[in-house]
Amino acid sequence: MKTLYLVRHAKSSWKFPELDDFERPLNKRGKRDAPAMGRLLKDKDIMPDIIISSPAVRASMTTKIISDILSYTLSRVKYSDEIYEADTTSLLKVVSRVDDKFNSTMLIGHNPGMTYFANMLANARIDNIPTCGIFCTELDISSWQEISENCGTFKFFKSPKNL
């Protein structure tokens, strides 16, 4: 069994229209929601073996905040360009390359790919993973290379509005 946490980045700012999409930072709500969701993970005693994040600024900021709250060493975070604007095929490739010594993986990325990926993997249907939403599925696999459609069982789905 492997466990996968899919986290959508926290709410980003549109305050600076001159910024490229990749460079958009978190806004005030995002800076409030990310710590709250990090505390939710901490309260559930969740500590992923590995965190893989999109390098986009809003995802990186979310990753840093959640890592700090979980006491996950930021230097252990892996960044993958493939997660930015990823579709399900790209996300599947990223996860399939995770070292099997890790039993739990957290991906921090973007919609719509994260929502589509969650629905592809698990026996639950989520209309939308909102900003800073967390979807967890337990995968009936022994190797990350075995990840495939419908190999997961829905464990939980939380968003800042649920808190």
Protein backbone atom coordinates (compact mmCIF):
# COMPACT_ATOMS: atom_id res chain seq x y z
CA MET A 1 0.00 0.00 0.00
CA LYS A 2 1.08 3.55 -0.81
CA THR A 3 -0.57 6.81 0.23
CA LEU A 4 -0.84 9.85 -2.01
CA TYR A 5 -1.78 13.36 -0.88
CA LEU A 6 -2.77 15.80 -3.61
CA VAL A 7 -2.61 19.43 -2.49
CA ARG A 8 -3.67 22.33 -4.63
CA HIS A 9 -1.65 25.48 -4.00
CA ALA A 10 -3.22 28.13 -1.77
CA LYS A 11 -5.07 31.16 -3.20
CA SER A 12 -2.84 33.29 -5.39
CA SER A 13 -2.76 37.01 -6.00
CA TRP A 14 -3.83 38.76 -9.18
CA LYS A 15 -2.72 42.10 -7.75
CA PHE A 16 0.21 42.38 -10.16
CA PRO A 17 -1.13 41.79 -13.70
CA GLU A 18 2.33 42.32 -15.15
CA LEU A 19 3.55 39.09 -13.50
CA ASP A 20 3.71 35.95 -15.55
CA ASP A 21 1.29 33.24 -14.31
CA PHE A 22 4.26 31.21 -13.00
CA GLU A 23 5.38 34.15 -10.82
CA ARG A 24 2.09 34.90 -9.03
CA PRO A 25 2.52 34.80 -5.21
CA LEU A 26 -0.05 33.91 -2.56
CA ASN A 27 -2.59 36.52 -1.57
CA LYS A 28 -3.75 37.29 1.97
CA ARG A 29 -6.28 34.45 1.98
CA GLY A 30 -3.67 32.01 0.67
CA LYS A 31 -1.24 33.03 3.41
CA ARG A 32 -4.01 32.35 5.95
CA ASP A 33 -5.29 29.07 4.46
CA ALA A 34 -1.95 27.31 3.92
CA PRO A 35 -0.99 27.36 7.62
CA ALA A 36 -4.50 26.21 8.58
CA MET A 37 -4.26 23.24 6.23
CA GLY A 38 -0.74 22.50 7.45
CA ARG A 39 -2.07 22.40 11.02
CA LEU A 40 -4.85 20.06 9.89
CA LEU A 41 -2.22 17.66 8.51
CA LYS A 42 -0.14 17.99 11.68
CA ASP A 43 -3.21 17.31 13.86
CA LYS A 44 -3.84 14.15 11.83
CA ASP A 45 -0.18 13.12 12.40
CA ILE A 46 0.45 13.18 8.66
CA MET A 47 4.09 13.38 7.65
CA PRO A 48 4.69 12.48 4.01
CA ASP A 49 7.86 10.59 3.23
CA ILE A 50 8.43 12.89 0.25
CA ILE A 51 6.94 16.16 -0.98
CA ILE A 52 7.08 16.98 -4.67
CA SER A 53 5.97 20.47 -5.68
CA SER A 54 5.44 22.56 -8.73
CA PRO A 55 8.14 25.24 -8.83
CA ALA A 56 5.57 27.99 -9.56
CA VAL A 57 5.78 30.70 -6.90
CA ARG A 58 2.30 30.11 -5.45
CA ALA A 59 2.95 26.36 -5.16
CA SER A 60 6.45 26.90 -3.72
CA MET A 61 5.07 29.29 -1.11
CA THR A 62 2.35 26.78 -0.17
CA THR A 63 4.98 24.04 0.05
CA LYS A 64 7.20 26.13 2.33
CA ILE A 65 4.34 27.00 4.70
CA ILE A 66 3.07 23.42 4.96
CA SER A 67 6.61 22.03 5.30
CA ASP A 68 7.38 24.48 8.11
CA ILE A 69 4.28 23.46 10.06
CA LEU A 70 4.97 19.75 9.58
CA SER A 71 8.67 20.24 10.46
CA TYR A 72 9.48 18.70 7.08
CA THR A 73 12.96 19.79 6.07
CA LEU A 74 12.54 22.12 3.10
CA SER A 75 15.78 20.92 1.51
CA ARG A 76 14.15 17.47 1.13
CA VAL A 77 11.36 18.88 -1.08
CA LYS A 78 11.67 17.94 -4.75
CA TYR A 79 10.47 20.39 -7.39
CA SER A 80 9.22 19.17 -10.73
CA ASP A 81 8.49 21.40 -13.72
CA GLU A 82 6.17 18.64 -14.94
CA ILE A 83 3.63 19.48 -12.22
CA TYR A 84 3.07 23.04 -13.50
CA GLU A 85 0.06 22.99 -15.88
CA ALA A 86 0.11 19.18 -15.70
CA ASP A 87 -2.53 16.86 -17.03
CA THR A 88 -3.23 13.42 -15.57
CA THR A 89 -0.64 11.73 -17.79
CA SER A 90 2.10 14.07 -16.58
CA LEU A 91 1.12 13.66 -12.93
CA LEU A 92 1.02 9.89 -13.37
CA LYS A 93 4.58 9.99 -14.73
CA VAL A 94 5.81 12.12 -11.82
CA VAL A 95 4.34 9.75 -9.23
CA SER A 96 5.45 6.59 -11.05
CA ARG A 97 9.07 7.75 -10.69
CA VAL A 98 8.91 8.08 -6.88
CA ASP A 99 11.41 5.81 -5.15
CA ASP A 100 9.66 2.78 -3.62
CA LYS A 101 11.41 3.36 -0.29
CA PHE A 102 8.78 6.11 0.19
CA ASN A 103 5.33 4.89 1.24
CA SER A 104 3.62 8.28 1.27
CA THR A 105 3.95 11.07 -1.26
CA MET A 106 2.53 14.59 -1.29
CA LEU A 107 2.16 16.42 -4.60
CA ILE A 108 1.58 20.17 -4.45
CA GLY A 109 0.30 21.55 -7.72
CA HIS A 110 -2.46 23.10 -9.77
CA ASN A 111 -5.92 22.62 -11.15
CA PRO A 112 -7.50 21.33 -13.23
CA GLY A 113 -4.89 18.57 -13.30
CA MET A 114 -5.02 17.80 -9.57
CA THR A 115 -8.81 17.34 -9.58
CA TYR A 116 -8.73 15.18 -12.71
CA PHE A 117 -5.91 13.11 -11.24
CA ALA A 118 -7.78 12.57 -7.94
CA ASN A 119 -10.85 11.39 -9.84
CA MET A 120 -8.80 9.12 -12.06
CA LEU A 121 -7.15 7.38 -9.12
CA ALA A 122 -9.84 6.93 -6.51
CA ASN A 123 -13.35 5.68 -6.14
CA ALA A 124 -14.65 9.16 -5.31
CA ARG A 125 -15.72 12.02 -7.51
CA ILE A 126 -14.59 15.53 -6.61
CA ASP A 127 -16.01 18.40 -8.65
CA ASN A 128 -13.11 20.66 -7.76
CA ILE A 129 -10.17 20.62 -5.40
CA PRO A 130 -10.31 24.25 -4.25
CA THR A 131 -7.24 26.31 -3.46
CA CYS A 132 -5.33 24.67 -0.61
CA GLY A 133 -7.62 21.64 -0.74
CA ILE A 134 -6.14 18.27 0.18
CA PHE A 135 -7.23 14.96 -1.32
CA CYS A 136 -5.89 11.70 0.10
CA THR A 137 -6.06 8.28 -1.48
CA GLU A 138 -4.61 4.96 -0.40
CA LEU A 139 -3.23 3.12 -3.41
CA ASP A 140 -3.47 -0.64 -3.73
CA ILE A 141 0.06 -0.92 -5.10
CA SER A 142 3.43 -2.04 -3.74
CA SER A 143 5.48 0.03 -6.20
CA TRP A 144 4.86 3.57 -7.41
CA GLN A 145 5.45 2.27 -10.94
CA GLU A 146 2.17 0.35 -10.62
CA ILE A 147 0.06 3.49 -10.21
CA SER A 148 -2.89 3.40 -12.59
CA GLU A 149 -6.49 4.39 -13.04
CA ASN A 150 -8.80 3.30 -10.19
CA CYS A 151 -5.97 1.83 -8.07
CA GLY A 152 -6.86 4.09 -5.13
CA THR A 153 -9.35 4.14 -2.30
CA PHE A 154 -10.62 7.53 -1.14
CA LYS A 155 -9.41 8.38 2.38
CA PHE A 156 -10.31 12.05 2.90
CA PHE A 157 -10.86 15.38 1.21
CA LYS A 158 -10.46 18.64 3.13
CA SER A 159 -10.49 22.27 2.13
CA PRO A 160 -10.13 25.54 4.05
CA LYS A 161 -13.92 25.98 3.98
CA ASN A 162 -14.27 22.67 5.91
CA LEU A 163 -12.27 24.06 8.84
